[in-house]
Amino acid sequence: MRHRRRHEQHTVAGGTAEQPDRELDTLVLNLGAGQGALAVFTAAERVGSSVEISLVGALPPVRRPTVVHPRTVGTSTIYAAVFAGVPIGEYTVWRDAGTPAGTVTVRGGEVVEFRLS
C-alpha cells in the first residue's frame, strides 16, 4: 500500500512555506492609510500565552491582547503574536501585567516588528 503525504502551502511574511500534515495556517492583515499591523516576536516558551499592547496616552487605558503562535517560514519556525488592523499611533508592548517591554510606532499600511525578549 502506498502512502501519500498531504502538502499544503501558505504565505507567511512574504514567502511560501510547505506544511506537511498540518492545517493551513493563514494570516490576513488589513493594512491601509489609517491602520497597520504589529508582529511581536518571542521565544518558543511563550507559545499559547497572551501579549498585550495599549495606545500610549489613551484614557482610559485599554489593552489589546493576542496569542503567540508558531509560524513556519521556509524551513524555520518563528514565534509571534500578530496584531492586525491596528490604528496608527504609538503603542506600549507589555511584558506582563505590570511591566512594559517598550514602545513601538504603528504606521498606516505597514507591518512593524518588535522583539520581546
Protein backbone atom coordinates (compact mmCIF):
# COMPACT_ATOMS: atom_id res chain seq x y z
CA MET A 1 0.00 0.00 0.00
CA ARG A 2 1.36 3.43 -0.94
CA HIS A 3 1.06 6.33 1.46
CA ARG A 4 0.73 9.90 0.32
CA ARG A 5 1.58 12.89 2.44
CA ARG A 6 -0.73 15.83 2.24
CA HIS A 7 1.21 19.01 1.43
CA GLU A 8 -0.26 22.48 1.64
CA GLN A 9 1.28 25.84 1.02
CA HIS A 10 0.64 29.12 2.74
CA THR A 11 2.06 32.59 2.72
CA VAL A 12 3.90 33.88 5.77
CA ALA A 13 5.93 37.09 5.96
CA GLY A 14 6.05 37.42 2.18
CA GLY A 15 7.32 33.90 1.45
CA THR A 16 5.87 30.45 0.80
CA ALA A 17 6.36 27.51 3.11
CA GLU A 18 5.26 23.87 2.94
CA GLN A 19 3.30 22.42 5.81
CA PRO A 20 3.00 18.63 5.57
CA ASP A 21 0.23 17.05 7.64
CA ARG A 22 -0.93 20.31 9.22
CA GLU A 23 -3.92 22.52 8.77
CA LEU A 24 -3.45 25.50 6.52
CA ASP A 25 -2.21 28.44 8.60
CA THR A 26 -3.45 31.69 7.12
CA LEU A 27 -2.96 35.20 8.41
CA VAL A 28 -4.72 38.12 6.74
CA LEU A 29 -3.52 41.62 7.54
CA ASN A 30 -5.78 44.58 6.86
CA LEU A 31 -3.38 47.43 6.05
CA GLY A 32 -4.30 50.91 4.89
CA ALA A 33 -3.79 54.62 5.34
CA GLY A 34 -5.18 54.67 8.89
CA GLN A 35 -4.00 51.31 10.15
CA GLY A 36 -1.08 48.93 10.13
CA ALA A 37 -0.04 45.70 11.82
CA LEU A 38 2.37 44.76 14.59
CA ALA A 39 4.33 41.49 14.79
CA VAL A 40 5.77 40.82 18.25
CA PHE A 41 8.45 38.10 18.05
CA THR A 42 9.00 35.99 21.18
CA ALA A 43 10.77 32.89 22.46
CA ALA A 44 9.16 29.47 21.92
CA GLU A 45 8.28 29.28 25.63
CA ARG A 46 5.60 31.95 25.11
CA VAL A 47 3.54 29.91 22.61
CA GLY A 48 -0.08 29.96 23.75
CA SER A 49 0.42 32.90 26.08
CA SER A 50 -1.03 36.35 25.56
CA VAL A 51 0.84 39.52 24.59
CA GLU A 52 -0.86 42.87 25.14
CA ILE A 53 -0.46 46.33 23.62
CA SER A 54 -2.02 49.64 24.60
CA LEU A 55 -2.16 53.03 22.92
CA VAL A 56 0.19 55.44 24.69
CA GLY A 57 -1.75 58.23 26.43
CA ALA A 58 -5.20 56.69 25.89
CA LEU A 59 -7.70 57.41 28.68
CA PRO A 60 -8.97 55.13 29.93
CA PRO A 61 -6.04 52.83 29.08
CA VAL A 62 -7.27 49.83 27.11
CA ARG A 63 -5.09 46.79 26.48
CA ARG A 64 -5.50 44.71 23.35
CA PRO A 65 -4.40 41.05 23.71
CA THR A 66 -3.42 38.43 21.14
CA VAL A 67 -1.86 34.98 21.46
CA VAL A 68 1.65 33.86 20.47
CA HIS A 69 1.62 31.20 17.73
CA PRO A 70 4.41 29.28 15.97
CA ARG A 71 4.76 30.28 12.31
CA THR A 72 6.69 28.36 9.68
CA VAL A 73 8.82 30.47 7.37
CA GLY A 74 10.79 28.41 4.88
CA THR A 75 12.47 25.70 6.95
CA SER A 76 12.43 27.71 10.20
CA THR A 77 9.83 28.23 12.89
CA ILE A 78 9.33 31.64 14.45
CA TYR A 79 7.07 32.56 17.37
CA ALA A 80 4.96 35.67 17.12
CA ALA A 81 1.89 37.48 18.35
CA VAL A 82 0.43 39.36 15.38
CA PHE A 83 -1.86 42.34 15.86
CA ALA A 84 -3.77 43.05 12.64
CA GLY A 85 -5.76 46.20 11.86
CA VAL A 86 -4.00 48.39 14.45
CA PRO A 87 -4.88 52.11 14.18
CA ILE A 88 -1.83 54.32 13.64
CA GLY A 89 -0.16 55.58 16.80
CA GLU A 90 2.41 54.84 19.47
CA TYR A 91 1.83 51.66 21.49
CA THR A 92 3.26 50.13 24.65
CA VAL A 93 4.07 46.41 24.36
CA TRP A 94 3.58 44.75 27.75
CA ARG A 95 5.98 42.06 29.02
CA ASP A 96 3.44 41.04 31.68
CA ALA A 97 0.50 42.58 33.55
CA GLY A 98 2.60 45.33 35.14
CA THR A 99 5.82 45.61 33.14
CA PRO A 100 6.14 47.50 29.86
CA ALA A 101 8.66 45.98 27.43
CA GLY A 102 8.93 49.07 25.24
CA THR A 103 7.06 51.21 22.74
CA VAL A 104 6.56 50.95 19.01
CA THR A 105 5.02 53.27 16.43
CA VAL A 106 2.44 51.76 14.07
CA ARG A 107 2.25 53.48 10.69
CA GLY A 108 -0.50 53.21 8.13
CA GLY A 109 -0.03 50.49 5.52
CA GLU A 110 3.00 48.94 7.24
CA VAL A 111 3.86 45.91 9.37
CA VAL A 112 6.04 46.93 12.33
CA GLU A 113 8.18 44.40 14.19
CA PHE A 114 9.04 44.26 17.89
CA ARG A 115 11.25 41.67 19.61
CA LEU A 116 10.03 40.71 23.09
CA SER A 117 12.94 39.05 24.90
